[in-house]
Amino acid sequence: MQMNEKTMVADTLTGINGELVRYGEMIAQTENKELKQTLKQFRNACEQSQEDLYNIAREKSYYVPAAKATQEEIAHVKDLFTSSVL
């Protein structure tokens, strides 16, 4: 099976998102300040790559974001986080 550009972009975005999660975990777990700073630089570069690729995907209509949340939906989520429900 031959992969098309849309599939490759989606797979790459998935991989980058996974890397971002791992960088966050490593940053939180290290006590070495130099290593922590290096990991933050890697994470920032990774975030920039993710944003660039996301913008390309949107321009080519490979990715269509979900509809924006209404003010009511936003207020509901805020309430969940400020109440003892969670």
PDB file of N, CA and C in Angstrom:
ATOM      1  N   MET A   1       0.842  -1.190   0.000  1.00  0.00           N
ATOM      2  CA  MET A   1       0.000   0.000   0.000  1.00  0.00           C
ATOM      3  C   MET A   1       0.880   1.243   0.000  1.00  0.00           C
ATOM      4  N   GLN A   2       0.582   2.166  -0.863  1.00  0.00           N
ATOM      5  CA  GLN A   2       1.348   3.394  -0.959  1.00  0.00           C
ATOM      6  C   GLN A   2       0.696   4.464  -0.082  1.00  0.00           C
ATOM      7  N   MET A   3       1.527   5.113   0.725  1.00  0.00           N
ATOM      8  CA  MET A   3       1.004   6.168   1.596  1.00  0.00           C
ATOM      9  C   MET A   3       0.886   7.463   0.808  1.00  0.00           C
ATOM     10  N   ASN A   4      -0.186   8.182   1.043  1.00  0.00           N
ATOM     11  CA  ASN A   4      -0.326   9.475   0.400  1.00  0.00           C
ATOM     12  C   ASN A   4       0.144  10.574   1.350  1.00  0.00           C
ATOM     13  N   GLU A   5       0.231  11.766   0.837  1.00  0.00           N
ATOM     14  CA  GLU A   5       0.753  12.889   1.623  1.00  0.00           C
ATOM     15  C   GLU A   5      -0.081  13.139   2.873  1.00  0.00           C
ATOM     16  N   LYS A   6      -1.378  13.057   2.745  1.00  0.00           N
ATOM     17  CA  LYS A   6      -2.265  13.310   3.880  1.00  0.00           C
ATOM     18  C   LYS A   6      -1.980  12.316   5.013  1.00  0.00           C
ATOM     19  N   THR A   7      -1.808  11.056   4.682  1.00  0.00           N
ATOM     20  CA  THR A   7      -1.515  10.033   5.692  1.00  0.00           C
ATOM     21  C   THR A   7      -0.162  10.280   6.339  1.00  0.00           C
ATOM     22  N   MET A   8       0.814  10.656   5.535  1.00  0.00           N
ATOM     23  CA  MET A   8       2.150  10.925   6.079  1.00  0.00           C
ATOM     24  C   MET A   8       2.129  12.113   7.038  1.00  0.00           C
ATOM     25  N   VAL A   9       1.394  13.151   6.683  1.00  0.00           N
ATOM     26  CA  VAL A   9       1.290  14.318   7.555  1.00  0.00           C
ATOM     27  C   VAL A   9       0.610  13.926   8.870  1.00  0.00           C
ATOM     28  N   ALA A  10      -0.466  13.174   8.784  1.00  0.00           N
ATOM     29  CA  ALA A  10      -1.188  12.751   9.993  1.00  0.00           C
ATOM     30  C   ALA A  10      -0.306  11.875  10.876  1.00  0.00           C
ATOM     31  N   ASP A  11       0.419  10.945  10.268  1.00  0.00           N
ATOM     32  CA  ASP A  11       1.314  10.075  11.038  1.00  0.00           C
ATOM     33  C   ASP A  11       2.428  10.877  11.707  1.00  0.00           C
ATOM     34  N   THR A  12       2.970  11.847  10.982  1.00  0.00           N
ATOM     35  CA  THR A  12       4.032  12.676  11.538  1.00  0.00           C
ATOM     36  C   THR A  12       3.513  13.512  12.701  1.00  0.00           C
ATOM     37  N   LEU A  13       2.334  14.087  12.558  1.00  0.00           N
ATOM     38  CA  LEU A  13       1.744  14.862  13.654  1.00  0.00           C
ATOM     39  C   LEU A  13       1.519  13.979  14.883  1.00  0.00           C
ATOM     40  N   THR A  14       1.067  12.771  14.681  1.00  0.00           N
ATOM     41  CA  THR A  14       0.868  11.841  15.791  1.00  0.00           C
ATOM     42  C   THR A  14       2.186  11.560  16.488  1.00  0.00           C
ATOM     43  N   GLY A  15       3.237  11.341  15.713  1.00  0.00           N
ATOM     44  CA  GLY A  15       4.549  11.094  16.290  1.00  0.00           C
ATOM     45  C   GLY A  15       5.078  12.285  17.070  1.00  0.00           C
ATOM     46  N   ILE A  16       4.930  13.470  16.504  1.00  0.00           N
ATOM     47  CA  ILE A  16       5.391  14.685  17.182  1.00  0.00           C
ATOM     48  C   ILE A  16       4.622  14.881  18.481  1.00  0.00           C
ATOM     49  N   ASN A  17       3.324  14.650  18.458  1.00  0.00           N
ATOM     50  CA  ASN A  17       2.525  14.811  19.675  1.00  0.00           C
ATOM     51  C   ASN A  17       2.991  13.849  20.761  1.00  0.00           C
ATOM     52  N   GLY A  18       3.356  12.635  20.375  1.00  0.00           N
ATOM     53  CA  GLY A  18       3.890  11.675  21.331  1.00  0.00           C
ATOM     54  C   GLY A  18       5.217  12.137  21.909  1.00  0.00           C
ATOM     55  N   GLU A  19       6.071  12.712  21.060  1.00  0.00           N
ATOM     56  CA  GLU A  19       7.350  13.237  21.531  1.00  0.00           C
ATOM     57  C   GLU A  19       7.129  14.353  22.544  1.00  0.00           C
ATOM     58  N   LEU A  20       6.167  15.217  22.270  1.00  0.00           N
ATOM     59  CA  LEU A  20       5.892  16.324  23.192  1.00  0.00           C
ATOM     60  C   LEU A  20       5.482  15.800  24.570  1.00  0.00           C
ATOM     61  N   VAL A  21       4.686  14.745  24.588  1.00  0.00           N
ATOM     62  CA  VAL A  21       4.280  14.143  25.861  1.00  0.00           C
ATOM     63  C   VAL A  21       5.510  13.624  26.603  1.00  0.00           C
ATOM     64  N   ARG A  22       6.378  12.920  25.887  1.00  0.00           N
ATOM     65  CA  ARG A  22       7.571  12.355  26.528  1.00  0.00           C
ATOM     66  C   ARG A  22       8.511  13.440  27.031  1.00  0.00           C
ATOM     67  N   TYR A  23       8.691  14.512  26.256  1.00  0.00           N
ATOM     68  CA  TYR A  23       9.534  15.617  26.730  1.00  0.00           C
ATOM     69  C   TYR A  23       8.967  16.189  28.028  1.00  0.00           C
ATOM     70  N   GLY A  24       7.658  16.384  28.076  1.00  0.00           N
ATOM     71  CA  GLY A  24       7.035  16.899  29.293  1.00  0.00           C
ATOM     72  C   GLY A  24       7.290  15.996  30.486  1.00  0.00           C
ATOM     73  N   GLU A  25       7.192  14.696  30.275  1.00  0.00           N
ATOM     74  CA  GLU A  25       7.445  13.739  31.358  1.00  0.00           C
ATOM     75  C   GLU A  25       8.897  13.808  31.816  1.00  0.00           C
ATOM     76  N   MET A  26       9.826  13.862  30.861  1.00  0.00           N
ATOM     77  CA  MET A  26      11.247  13.890  31.215  1.00  0.00           C
ATOM     78  C   MET A  26      11.618  15.185  31.932  1.00  0.00           C
ATOM     79  N   ILE A  27      11.091  16.298  31.459  1.00  0.00           N
ATOM     80  CA  ILE A  27      11.390  17.591  32.085  1.00  0.00           C
ATOM     81  C   ILE A  27      10.941  17.580  33.537  1.00  0.00           C
ATOM     82  N   ALA A  28       9.766  17.052  33.775  1.00  0.00           N
ATOM     83  CA  ALA A  28       9.224  17.032  35.143  1.00  0.00           C
ATOM     84  C   ALA A  28      10.007  16.095  36.058  1.00  0.00           C
ATOM     85  N   GLN A  29      10.677  15.103  35.502  1.00  0.00           N
ATOM     86  CA  GLN A  29      11.323  14.091  36.330  1.00  0.00           C
ATOM     87  C   GLN A  29      12.814  14.316  36.566  1.00  0.00           C
ATOM     88  N   THR A  30      13.428  15.236  35.840  1.00  0.00           N
ATOM     89  CA  THR A  30      14.865  15.426  36.019  1.00  0.00           C
ATOM     90  C   THR A  30      15.160  16.543  37.014  1.00  0.00           C
ATOM     91  N   GLU A  31      16.206  16.337  37.789  1.00  0.00           N
ATOM     92  CA  GLU A  31      16.647  17.361  38.730  1.00  0.00           C
ATOM     93  C   GLU A  31      17.854  18.114  38.189  1.00  0.00           C
ATOM     94  N   ASN A  32      18.487  17.589  37.153  1.00  0.00           N
ATOM     95  CA  ASN A  32      19.670  18.211  36.570  1.00  0.00           C
ATOM     96  C   ASN A  32      19.225  19.431  35.765  1.00  0.00           C
ATOM     97  N   LYS A  33      19.639  20.619  36.235  1.00  0.00           N
ATOM     98  CA  LYS A  33      19.174  21.862  35.608  1.00  0.00           C
ATOM     99  C   LYS A  33      19.625  21.984  34.153  1.00  0.00           C
ATOM    100  N   GLU A  34      20.839  21.539  33.848  1.00  0.00           N
ATOM    101  CA  GLU A  34      21.338  21.632  32.481  1.00  0.00           C
ATOM    102  C   GLU A  34      20.552  20.698  31.559  1.00  0.00           C
ATOM    103  N   LEU A  35      20.319  19.491  32.021  1.00  0.00           N
ATOM    104  CA  LEU A  35      19.524  18.547  31.237  1.00  0.00           C
ATOM    105  C   LEU A  35      18.102  19.063  31.064  1.00  0.00           C
ATOM    106  N   LYS A  36      17.530  19.607  32.127  1.00  0.00           N
ATOM    107  CA  LYS A  36      16.166  20.144  32.061  1.00  0.00           C
ATOM    108  C   LYS A  36      16.076  21.246  31.009  1.00  0.00           C
ATOM    109  N   GLN A  37      17.075  22.133  30.985  1.00  0.00           N
ATOM    110  CA  GLN A  37      17.084  23.225  30.019  1.00  0.00           C
ATOM    111  C   GLN A  37      17.224  22.692  28.586  1.00  0.00           C
ATOM    112  N   THR A  38      18.076  21.701  28.395  1.00  0.00           N
ATOM    113  CA  THR A  38      18.251  21.091  27.076  1.00  0.00           C
ATOM    114  C   THR A  38      16.957  20.442  26.604  1.00  0.00           C
ATOM    115  N   LEU A  39      16.295  19.716  27.504  1.00  0.00           N
ATOM    116  CA  LEU A  39      15.025  19.079  27.151  1.00  0.00           C
ATOM    117  C   LEU A  39      13.966  20.121  26.792  1.00  0.00           C
ATOM    118  N   LYS A  40      13.967  21.245  27.501  1.00  0.00           N
ATOM    119  CA  LYS A  40      13.015  22.322  27.188  1.00  0.00           C
ATOM    120  C   LYS A  40      13.277  22.897  25.803  1.00  0.00           C
ATOM    121  N   GLN A  41      14.560  23.024  25.450  1.00  0.00           N
ATOM    122  CA  GLN A  41      14.892  23.518  24.109  1.00  0.00           C
ATOM    123  C   GLN A  41      14.421  22.538  23.043  1.00  0.00           C
ATOM    124  N   PHE A  42      14.645  21.242  23.287  1.00  0.00           N
ATOM    125  CA  PHE A  42      14.161  20.220  22.353  1.00  0.00           C
ATOM    126  C   PHE A  42      12.646  20.265  22.240  1.00  0.00           C
ATOM    127  N   ARG A  43      11.971  20.403  23.382  1.00  0.00           N
ATOM    128  CA  ARG A  43      10.510  20.455  23.377  1.00  0.00           C
ATOM    129  C   ARG A  43      10.017  21.669  22.593  1.00  0.00           C
ATOM    130  N   ASN A  44      10.664  22.819  22.798  1.00  0.00           N
ATOM    131  CA  ASN A  44      10.253  24.029  22.085  1.00  0.00           C
ATOM    132  C   ASN A  44      10.413  23.871  20.576  1.00  0.00           C
ATOM    133  N   ALA A  45      11.520  23.260  20.145  1.00  0.00           N
ATOM    134  CA  ALA A  45      11.728  23.013  18.715  1.00  0.00           C
ATOM    135  C   ALA A  45      10.680  22.041  18.187  1.00  0.00           C
ATOM    136  N   CYS A  46      10.358  21.045  18.982  1.00  0.00           N
ATOM    137  CA  CYS A  46       9.347  20.064  18.602  1.00  0.00           C
ATOM    138  C   CYS A  46       7.974  20.729  18.486  1.00  0.00           C
ATOM    139  N   GLU A  47       7.655  21.612  19.422  1.00  0.00           N
ATOM    140  CA  GLU A  47       6.380  22.342  19.370  1.00  0.00           C
ATOM    141  C   GLU A  47       6.296  23.197  18.112  1.00  0.00           C
ATOM    142  N   GLN A  48       7.425  23.819  17.745  1.00  0.00           N
ATOM    143  CA  GLN A  48       7.429  24.645  16.536  1.00  0.00           C
ATOM    144  C   GLN A  48       7.199  23.784  15.302  1.00  0.00           C
ATOM    145  N   SER A  49       7.831  22.618  15.254  1.00  0.00           N
ATOM    146  CA  SER A  49       7.625  21.692  14.132  1.00  0.00           C
ATOM    147  C   SER A  49       6.170  21.254  14.057  1.00  0.00           C
ATOM    148  N   GLN A  50       5.584  20.964  15.218  1.00  0.00           N
ATOM    149  CA  GLN A  50       4.189  20.542  15.267  1.00  0.00           C
ATOM    150  C   GLN A  50       3.282  21.653  14.736  1.00  0.00           C
ATOM    151  N   GLU A  51       3.555  22.879  15.157  1.00  0.00           N
ATOM    152  CA  GLU A  51       2.721  24.002  14.723  1.00  0.00           C
ATOM    153  C   GLU A  51       2.866  24.239  13.213  1.00  0.00           C
ATOM    154  N   ASP A  52       4.098  24.164  12.713  1.00  0.00           N
ATOM    155  CA  ASP A  52       4.324  24.347  11.274  1.00  0.00           C
ATOM    156  C   ASP A  52       3.587  23.282  10.462  1.00  0.00           C
ATOM    157  N   LEU A  53       3.722  22.038  10.879  1.00  0.00           N
ATOM    158  CA  LEU A  53       3.070  20.945  10.159  1.00  0.00           C
ATOM    159  C   LEU A  53       1.548  21.036  10.269  1.00  0.00           C
ATOM    160  N   TYR A  54       1.048  21.430  11.434  1.00  0.00           N
ATOM    161  CA  TYR A  54      -0.392  21.624  11.632  1.00  0.00           C
ATOM    162  C   TYR A  54      -0.921  22.688  10.662  1.00  0.00           C
ATOM    163  N   ASN A  55      -0.169  23.781  10.519  1.00  0.00           N
ATOM    164  CA  ASN A  55      -0.606  24.848   9.612  1.00  0.00           C
ATOM    165  C   ASN A  55      -0.628  24.368   8.163  1.00  0.00           C
ATOM    166  N   ILE A  56       0.354  23.567   7.779  1.00  0.00           N
ATOM    167  CA  ILE A  56       0.362  22.999   6.432  1.00  0.00           C
ATOM    168  C   ILE A  56      -0.855  22.093   6.244  1.00  0.00           C
ATOM    169  N   ALA A  57      -1.124  21.264   7.247  1.00  0.00           N
ATOM    170  CA  ALA A  57      -2.270  20.350   7.167  1.00  0.00           C
ATOM    171  C   ALA A  57      -3.583  21.122   7.031  1.00  0.00           C
ATOM    172  N   ARG A  58      -3.713  22.215   7.755  1.00  0.00           N
ATOM    173  CA  ARG A  58      -4.937  23.023   7.638  1.00  0.00           C
ATOM    174  C   ARG A  58      -5.043  23.679   6.275  1.00  0.00           C
ATOM    175  N   GLU A  59      -3.936  24.210   5.771  1.00  0.00           N
ATOM    176  CA  GLU A  59      -3.938  24.866   4.456  1.00  0.00           C
ATOM    177  C   GLU A  59      -4.355  23.898   3.355  1.00  0.00           C
ATOM    178  N   LYS A  60      -3.940  22.654   3.473  1.00  0.00           N
ATOM    179  CA  LYS A  60      -4.249  21.654   2.450  1.00  0.00           C
ATOM    180  C   LYS A  60      -5.553  20.908   2.743  1.00  0.00           C
ATOM    181  N   SER A  61      -6.251  21.336   3.774  1.00  0.00           N
ATOM    182  CA  SER A  61      -7.510  20.710   4.205  1.00  0.00           C
ATOM    183  C   SER A  61      -7.329  19.254   4.600  1.00  0.00           C
ATOM    184  N   TYR A  62      -6.130  18.904   5.062  1.00  0.00           N
ATOM    185  CA  TYR A  62      -5.891  17.557   5.588  1.00  0.00           C
ATOM    186  C   TYR A  62      -6.444  17.438   6.998  1.00  0.00           C
ATOM    187  N   TYR A  63      -6.566  18.575   7.644  1.00  0.00           N
ATOM    188  CA  TYR A  63      -7.070  18.602   9.017  1.00  0.00           C
ATOM    189  C   TYR A  63      -8.076  19.725   9.118  1.00  0.00           C
ATOM    190  N   VAL A  64      -9.243  19.398   9.613  1.00  0.00           N
ATOM    191  CA  VAL A  64     -10.279  20.397   9.846  1.00  0.00           C
ATOM    192  C   VAL A  64     -10.565  20.385  11.339  1.00  0.00           C
ATOM    193  N   PRO A  65     -10.253  21.490  12.022  1.00  0.00           N
ATOM    194  CA  PRO A  65     -10.456  21.505  13.474  1.00  0.00           C
ATOM    195  C   PRO A  65     -11.933  21.425  13.843  1.00  0.00           C
ATOM    196  N   ALA A  66     -12.164  20.975  15.054  1.00  0.00           N
ATOM    197  CA  ALA A  66     -13.534  20.908  15.563  1.00  0.00           C
ATOM    198  C   ALA A  66     -14.093  22.321  15.679  1.00  0.00           C
ATOM    199  N   ALA A  67     -15.398  22.405  15.731  1.00  0.00           N
ATOM    200  CA  ALA A  67     -16.046  23.705  15.906  1.00  0.00           C
ATOM    201  C   ALA A  67     -15.621  24.315  17.237  1.00  0.00           C
ATOM    202  N   LYS A  68     -15.557  25.635  17.260  1.00  0.00           N
ATOM    203  CA  LYS A  68     -15.172  26.317  18.491  1.00  0.00           C
ATOM    204  C   LYS A  68     -16.252  26.126  19.552  1.00  0.00           C
ATOM    205  N   ALA A  69     -15.787  26.026  20.789  1.00  0.00           N
ATOM    206  CA  ALA A  69     -16.705  25.849  21.913  1.00  0.00           C
ATOM    207  C   ALA A  69     -17.532  27.116  22.117  1.00  0.00           C
ATOM    208  N   THR A  70     -18.762  26.920  22.528  1.00  0.00           N
ATOM    209  CA  THR A  70     -19.619  28.063  22.839  1.00  0.00           C
ATOM    210  C   THR A  70     -19.231  28.605  24.209  1.00  0.00           C
ATOM    211  N   GLN A  71     -19.674  29.790  24.509  1.00  0.00           N
ATOM    212  CA  GLN A  71     -19.410  30.373  25.831  1.00  0.00           C
ATOM    213  C   GLN A  71     -20.025  29.516  26.935  1.00  0.00           C
ATOM    214  N   GLU A  72     -21.173  28.929  26.639  1.00  0.00           N
ATOM    215  CA  GLU A  72     -21.832  28.049  27.611  1.00  0.00           C
ATOM    216  C   GLU A  72     -20.972  26.812  27.891  1.00  0.00           C
ATOM    217  N   GLU A  73     -20.417  26.224  26.843  1.00  0.00           N
ATOM    218  CA  GLU A  73     -19.554  25.049  27.016  1.00  0.00           C
ATOM    219  C   GLU A  73     -18.285  25.403  27.793  1.00  0.00           C
ATOM    220  N   ILE A  74     -17.707  26.546  27.486  1.00  0.00           N
ATOM    221  CA  ILE A  74     -16.511  27.000  28.198  1.00  0.00           C
ATOM    222  C   ILE A  74     -16.824  27.214  29.676  1.00  0.00           C
ATOM    223  N   ALA A  75     -17.932  27.857  29.962  1.00  0.00           N
ATOM    224  CA  ALA A  75     -18.325  28.105  31.355  1.00  0.00           C
ATOM    225  C   ALA A  75     -18.552  26.790  32.098  1.00  0.00           C
ATOM    226  N   HIS A  76     -19.145  25.822  31.428  1.00  0.00           N
ATOM    227  CA  HIS A  76     -19.394  24.520  32.044  1.00  0.00           C
ATOM    228  C   HIS A  76     -18.083  23.837  32.440  1.00  0.00           C
ATOM    229  N   VAL A  77     -17.109  23.849  31.537  1.00  0.00           N
ATOM    230  CA  VAL A  77     -15.808  23.229  31.836  1.00  0.00           C
ATOM    231  C   VAL A  77     -15.114  23.971  32.964  1.00  0.00           C
ATOM    232  N   LYS A  78     -15.168  25.301  32.940  1.00  0.00           N
ATOM    233  CA  LYS A  78     -14.571  26.090  34.030  1.00  0.00           C
ATOM    234  C   LYS A  78     -15.211  25.720  35.361  1.00  0.00           C
ATOM    235  N   ASP A  79     -16.526  25.575  35.342  1.00  0.00           N
ATOM    236  CA  ASP A  79     -17.240  25.191  36.570  1.00  0.00           C
ATOM    237  C   ASP A  79     -16.774  23.819  37.078  1.00  0.00           C
ATOM    238  N   LEU A  80     -16.561  22.902  36.169  1.00  0.00           N
ATOM    239  CA  LEU A  80     -16.096  21.557  36.570  1.00  0.00           C
ATOM    240  C   LEU A  80     -14.744  21.629  37.280  1.00  0.00           C
ATOM    241  N   PHE A  81     -13.870  22.496  36.794  1.00  0.00           N
ATOM    242  CA  PHE A  81     -12.545  22.587  37.377  1.00  0.00           C
ATOM    243  C   PHE A  81     -12.505  23.433  38.646  1.00  0.00           C
ATOM    244  N   THR A  82     -13.514  24.228  38.876  1.00  0.00           N
ATOM    245  CA  THR A  82     -13.517  25.054  40.078  1.00  0.00           C
ATOM    246  C   THR A  82     -14.455  24.511  41.157  1.00  0.00           C
ATOM    247  N   SER A  83     -15.178  23.463  40.818  1.00  0.00           N
ATOM    248  CA  SER A  83     -16.046  22.848  41.821  1.00  0.00           C
ATOM    249  C   SER A  83     -15.422  21.562  42.317  1.00  0.00           C
ATOM    250  N   SER A  84     -16.056  20.930  43.251  1.00  0.00           N
ATOM    251  CA  SER A  84     -15.514  19.684  43.805  1.00  0.00           C
ATOM    252  C   SER A  84     -16.009  18.455  43.045  1.00  0.00           C
ATOM    253  N   VAL A  85     -16.588  18.654  41.848  1.00  0.00           N
ATOM    254  CA  VAL A  85     -17.124  17.540  41.068  1.00  0.00           C
ATOM    255  C   VAL A  85     -16.003  16.621  40.608  1.00  0.00           C
ATOM    256  N   LEU A  86     -14.858  17.194  40.176  1.00  0.00           N
ATOM    257  CA  LEU A  86     -13.739  16.369  39.724  1.00  0.00           C
ATOM    258  C   LEU A  86     -13.080  15.842  40.925  1.00  0.00           C
TER     259      LEU A  86
END
